[in-house]
Amino acid sequence: MESKCSECSMRAKFDKNSKSFIGRFWRWHINFCPGWKAYFTSLSLEEQTELRKKYSFNKYTERVY
């Protein structure tokens, strides 16, 4: 099953306004979401680094194969 995280409407709301309620909820949610973990770990290390910077995301520091 392919992850829809790249086209998530809540993620888009965060990108548009990180201080919105939905945006803040999405940012909190990715800390434990199994779908986000699968999506994130499937990305290349360069893409992971970009997302880490963009979303101040520090979980899943080791790549899962």
C-alpha atoms as a PDB file:
ATOM      1  CA  MET A   1       0.000   0.000   0.000  1.00  0.00           C
ATOM      2  CA  GLU A   2       1.416   3.339  -1.032  1.00  0.00           C
ATOM      3  CA  SER A   3       1.457   6.212   1.432  1.00  0.00           C
ATOM      4  CA  LYS A   4      -0.558   9.351   0.692  1.00  0.00           C
ATOM      5  CA  CYS A   5       1.621  11.520   2.962  1.00  0.00           C
ATOM      6  CA  SER A   6       3.089  13.461   0.047  1.00  0.00           C
ATOM      7  CA  GLU A   7      -0.391  14.699  -0.893  1.00  0.00           C
ATOM      8  CA  CYS A   8      -1.912  14.965   2.603  1.00  0.00           C
ATOM      9  CA  SER A   9      -4.293  17.918   2.968  1.00  0.00           C
ATOM     10  CA  MET A  10      -3.276  18.440   6.612  1.00  0.00           C
ATOM     11  CA  ARG A  11       0.377  18.600   5.570  1.00  0.00           C
ATOM     12  CA  ALA A  12      -0.543  21.164   2.923  1.00  0.00           C
ATOM     13  CA  LYS A  13      -2.256  23.256   5.596  1.00  0.00           C
ATOM     14  CA  PHE A  14       0.906  23.108   7.699  1.00  0.00           C
ATOM     15  CA  ASP A  15       2.967  24.186   4.702  1.00  0.00           C
ATOM     16  CA  LYS A  16       0.591  27.080   4.075  1.00  0.00           C
ATOM     17  CA  ASN A  17       0.269  28.170   7.725  1.00  0.00           C
ATOM     18  CA  SER A  18       2.245  26.258  10.324  1.00  0.00           C
ATOM     19  CA  LYS A  19       0.435  28.034  13.160  1.00  0.00           C
ATOM     20  CA  SER A  20      -3.044  26.944  12.096  1.00  0.00           C
ATOM     21  CA  PHE A  21      -4.818  24.426  14.307  1.00  0.00           C
ATOM     22  CA  ILE A  22      -4.799  21.725  11.604  1.00  0.00           C
ATOM     23  CA  GLY A  23      -1.160  22.462  10.790  1.00  0.00           C
ATOM     24  CA  ARG A  24      -0.110  22.140  14.415  1.00  0.00           C
ATOM     25  CA  PHE A  25      -2.195  18.991  14.765  1.00  0.00           C
ATOM     26  CA  TRP A  26      -0.487  17.442  11.712  1.00  0.00           C
ATOM     27  CA  ARG A  27       2.971  18.305  13.044  1.00  0.00           C
ATOM     28  CA  TRP A  28       2.158  16.689  16.407  1.00  0.00           C
ATOM     29  CA  HIS A  29       0.587  13.688  14.644  1.00  0.00           C
ATOM     30  CA  ILE A  30       3.684  12.784  12.595  1.00  0.00           C
ATOM     31  CA  ASN A  31       5.588  11.996  15.795  1.00  0.00           C
ATOM     32  CA  PHE A  32       3.760   8.678  16.122  1.00  0.00           C
ATOM     33  CA  CYS A  33       1.929   8.052  12.835  1.00  0.00           C
ATOM     34  CA  PRO A  34       2.891   4.655  11.348  1.00  0.00           C
ATOM     35  CA  GLY A  35       1.993   5.887   7.856  1.00  0.00           C
ATOM     36  CA  TRP A  36       4.353   8.857   8.153  1.00  0.00           C
ATOM     37  CA  LYS A  37       7.105   6.568   9.470  1.00  0.00           C
ATOM     38  CA  ALA A  38       6.706   4.241   6.486  1.00  0.00           C
ATOM     39  CA  TYR A  39       6.651   7.181   4.085  1.00  0.00           C
ATOM     40  CA  PHE A  40       9.586   8.938   5.715  1.00  0.00           C
ATOM     41  CA  THR A  41      11.818   5.870   5.896  1.00  0.00           C
ATOM     42  CA  SER A  42      11.075   5.025   2.253  1.00  0.00           C
ATOM     43  CA  LEU A  43      12.633   8.316   1.119  1.00  0.00           C
ATOM     44  CA  SER A  44      16.264   8.805   0.171  1.00  0.00           C
ATOM     45  CA  LEU A  45      18.586  10.179   2.830  1.00  0.00           C
ATOM     46  CA  GLU A  46      18.668  13.531   1.017  1.00  0.00           C
ATOM     47  CA  GLU A  47      14.872  13.770   1.021  1.00  0.00           C
ATOM     48  CA  GLN A  48      14.771  12.770   4.691  1.00  0.00           C
ATOM     49  CA  THR A  49      17.271  15.514   5.502  1.00  0.00           C
ATOM     50  CA  GLU A  50      15.144  18.088   3.685  1.00  0.00           C
ATOM     51  CA  LEU A  51      12.024  17.048   5.588  1.00  0.00           C
ATOM     52  CA  ARG A  52      13.900  17.037   8.900  1.00  0.00           C
ATOM     53  CA  LYS A  53      14.892  20.662   8.328  1.00  0.00           C
ATOM     54  CA  LYS A  54      11.532  21.762   6.957  1.00  0.00           C
ATOM     55  CA  TYR A  55       9.459  20.216   9.758  1.00  0.00           C
ATOM     56  CA  SER A  56      12.008  20.212  12.629  1.00  0.00           C
ATOM     57  CA  PHE A  57      11.551  16.469  12.710  1.00  0.00           C
ATOM     58  CA  ASN A  58      14.029  14.399  14.742  1.00  0.00           C
ATOM     59  CA  LYS A  59      12.467  10.941  14.975  1.00  0.00           C
ATOM     60  CA  TYR A  60      13.429   7.863  12.964  1.00  0.00           C
ATOM     61  CA  THR A  61      17.084   8.832  12.839  1.00  0.00           C
ATOM     62  CA  GLU A  62      18.166   5.425  11.598  1.00  0.00           C
ATOM     63  CA  ARG A  63      17.033   4.288   8.202  1.00  0.00           C
ATOM     64  CA  VAL A  64      14.769   1.223   8.342  1.00  0.00           C
ATOM     65  CA  TYR A  65      15.117  -1.285   5.505  1.00  0.00           C
END
